[in-house]
Amino acid sequence: MALHASYLSFMQPFNNLLVEIVSEPEF
């Protein structure tokens, strides 16, 4: 479970970036 938690913490910035791209689709 520790590996899964560190994977989520590693992917959190990418998820935030995807949320920004989806919420504001301006290229």
PDB file of N, CA and C in Angstrom:
ATOM      1  N   MET A   1       0.830  -1.211   0.000  1.00  0.00           N
ATOM      2  CA  MET A   1       0.000   0.000   0.000  1.00  0.00           C
ATOM      3  C   MET A   1       0.866   1.263   0.000  1.00  0.00           C
ATOM      4  N   ALA A   2       2.043   1.153   0.600  1.00  0.00           N
ATOM      5  CA  ALA A   2       2.937   2.319   0.646  1.00  0.00           C
ATOM      6  C   ALA A   2       3.366   2.715  -0.770  1.00  0.00           C
ATOM      7  N   LEU A   3       3.590   1.711  -1.602  1.00  0.00           N
ATOM      8  CA  LEU A   3       3.983   1.988  -2.988  1.00  0.00           C
ATOM      9  C   LEU A   3       2.852   2.694  -3.727  1.00  0.00           C
ATOM     10  N   HIS A   4       1.623   2.263  -3.466  1.00  0.00           N
ATOM     11  CA  HIS A   4       0.473   2.897  -4.112  1.00  0.00           C
ATOM     12  C   HIS A   4       0.340   4.350  -3.664  1.00  0.00           C
ATOM     13  N   ALA A   5       0.580   4.602  -2.384  1.00  0.00           N
ATOM     14  CA  ALA A   5       0.461   5.971  -1.862  1.00  0.00           C
ATOM     15  C   ALA A   5       1.529   6.869  -2.477  1.00  0.00           C
ATOM     16  N   SER A   6       2.751   6.377  -2.599  1.00  0.00           N
ATOM     17  CA  SER A   6       3.802   7.209  -3.194  1.00  0.00           C
ATOM     18  C   SER A   6       3.556   7.397  -4.689  1.00  0.00           C
ATOM     19  N   TYR A   7       2.922   6.407  -5.333  1.00  0.00           N
ATOM     20  CA  TYR A   7       2.563   6.565  -6.745  1.00  0.00           C
ATOM     21  C   TYR A   7       1.526   7.668  -6.903  1.00  0.00           C
ATOM     22  N   LEU A   8       0.534   7.696  -6.008  1.00  0.00           N
ATOM     23  CA  LEU A   8      -0.483   8.745  -6.073  1.00  0.00           C
ATOM     24  C   LEU A   8       0.135  10.108  -5.813  1.00  0.00           C
ATOM     25  N   SER A   9       1.041  10.191  -4.845  1.00  0.00           N
ATOM     26  CA  SER A   9       1.671  11.480  -4.547  1.00  0.00           C
ATOM     27  C   SER A   9       2.550  11.925  -5.714  1.00  0.00           C
ATOM     28  N   PHE A  10       3.120  10.969  -6.452  1.00  0.00           N
ATOM     29  CA  PHE A  10       3.938  11.304  -7.616  1.00  0.00           C
ATOM     30  C   PHE A  10       3.066  11.786  -8.773  1.00  0.00           C
ATOM     31  N   MET A  11       1.891  11.195  -8.930  1.00  0.00           N
ATOM     32  CA  MET A  11       1.013  11.532 -10.051  1.00  0.00           C
ATOM     33  C   MET A  11       0.118  12.730  -9.766  1.00  0.00           C
ATOM     34  N   GLN A  12       0.109  13.205  -8.518  1.00  0.00           N
ATOM     35  CA  GLN A  12      -0.798  14.303  -8.171  1.00  0.00           C
ATOM     36  C   GLN A  12      -0.585  15.553  -9.028  1.00  0.00           C
ATOM     37  N   PRO A  13       0.651  16.031  -9.262  1.00  0.00           N
ATOM     38  CA  PRO A  13       0.843  17.215 -10.121  1.00  0.00           C
ATOM     39  C   PRO A  13       0.317  16.997 -11.538  1.00  0.00           C
ATOM     40  N   PHE A  14       0.499  15.790 -12.078  1.00  0.00           N
ATOM     41  CA  PHE A  14       0.006  15.509 -13.425  1.00  0.00           C
ATOM     42  C   PHE A  14      -1.516  15.529 -13.458  1.00  0.00           C
ATOM     43  N   ASN A  15      -2.139  14.996 -12.392  1.00  0.00           N
ATOM     44  CA  ASN A  15      -3.603  15.026 -12.317  1.00  0.00           C
ATOM     45  C   ASN A  15      -4.095  16.459 -12.239  1.00  0.00           C
ATOM     46  N   ASN A  16      -3.404  17.306 -11.475  1.00  0.00           N
ATOM     47  CA  ASN A  16      -3.796  18.712 -11.378  1.00  0.00           C
ATOM     48  C   ASN A  16      -3.673  19.392 -12.739  1.00  0.00           C
ATOM     49  N   LEU A  17      -2.626  19.057 -13.481  1.00  0.00           N
ATOM     50  CA  LEU A  17      -2.433  19.638 -14.810  1.00  0.00           C
ATOM     51  C   LEU A  17      -3.551  19.196 -15.755  1.00  0.00           C
ATOM     52  N   LEU A  18      -3.916  17.913 -15.679  1.00  0.00           N
ATOM     53  CA  LEU A  18      -5.010  17.426 -16.525  1.00  0.00           C
ATOM     54  C   LEU A  18      -6.319  18.111 -16.177  1.00  0.00           C
ATOM     55  N   VAL A  19      -6.558  18.342 -14.904  1.00  0.00           N
ATOM     56  CA  VAL A  19      -7.791  19.021 -14.481  1.00  0.00           C
ATOM     57  C   VAL A  19      -7.814  20.439 -15.041  1.00  0.00           C
ATOM     58  N   GLU A  20      -6.680  21.119 -15.022  1.00  0.00           N
ATOM     59  CA  GLU A  20      -6.623  22.479 -15.560  1.00  0.00           C
ATOM     60  C   GLU A  20      -6.867  22.471 -17.069  1.00  0.00           C
ATOM     61  N   ILE A  21      -6.295  21.517 -17.766  1.00  0.00           N
ATOM     62  CA  ILE A  21      -6.469  21.434 -19.220  1.00  0.00           C
ATOM     63  C   ILE A  21      -7.930  21.146 -19.565  1.00  0.00           C
ATOM     64  N   VAL A  22      -8.564  20.260 -18.818  1.00  0.00           N
ATOM     65  CA  VAL A  22      -9.957  19.897 -19.109  1.00  0.00           C
ATOM     66  C   VAL A  22     -10.898  21.041 -18.745  1.00  0.00           C
ATOM     67  N   SER A  23     -10.626  21.707 -17.627  1.00  0.00           N
ATOM     68  CA  SER A  23     -11.527  22.780 -17.201  1.00  0.00           C
ATOM     69  C   SER A  23     -11.386  24.009 -18.099  1.00  0.00           C
ATOM     70  N   GLU A  24     -10.176  24.235 -18.630  1.00  0.00           N
ATOM     71  CA  GLU A  24      -9.953  25.383 -19.515  1.00  0.00           C
ATOM     72  C   GLU A  24      -9.273  24.905 -20.792  1.00  0.00           C
ATOM     73  N   PRO A  25     -10.028  24.432 -21.763  1.00  0.00           N
ATOM     74  CA  PRO A  25      -9.431  23.921 -23.008  1.00  0.00           C
ATOM     75  C   PRO A  25      -8.975  25.044 -23.927  1.00  0.00           C
ATOM     76  N   GLU A  26      -7.901  25.700 -23.528  1.00  0.00           N
ATOM     77  CA  GLU A  26      -7.329  26.772 -24.355  1.00  0.00           C
ATOM     78  C   GLU A  26      -5.902  26.393 -24.717  1.00  0.00           C
ATOM     79  N   PHE A  27      -5.638  26.240 -26.005  1.00  0.00           N
ATOM     80  CA  PHE A  27      -4.307  25.822 -26.429  1.00  0.00           C
ATOM     81  C   PHE A  27      -3.534  26.985 -27.024  1.00  0.00           C
TER      82      PHE A  27
END
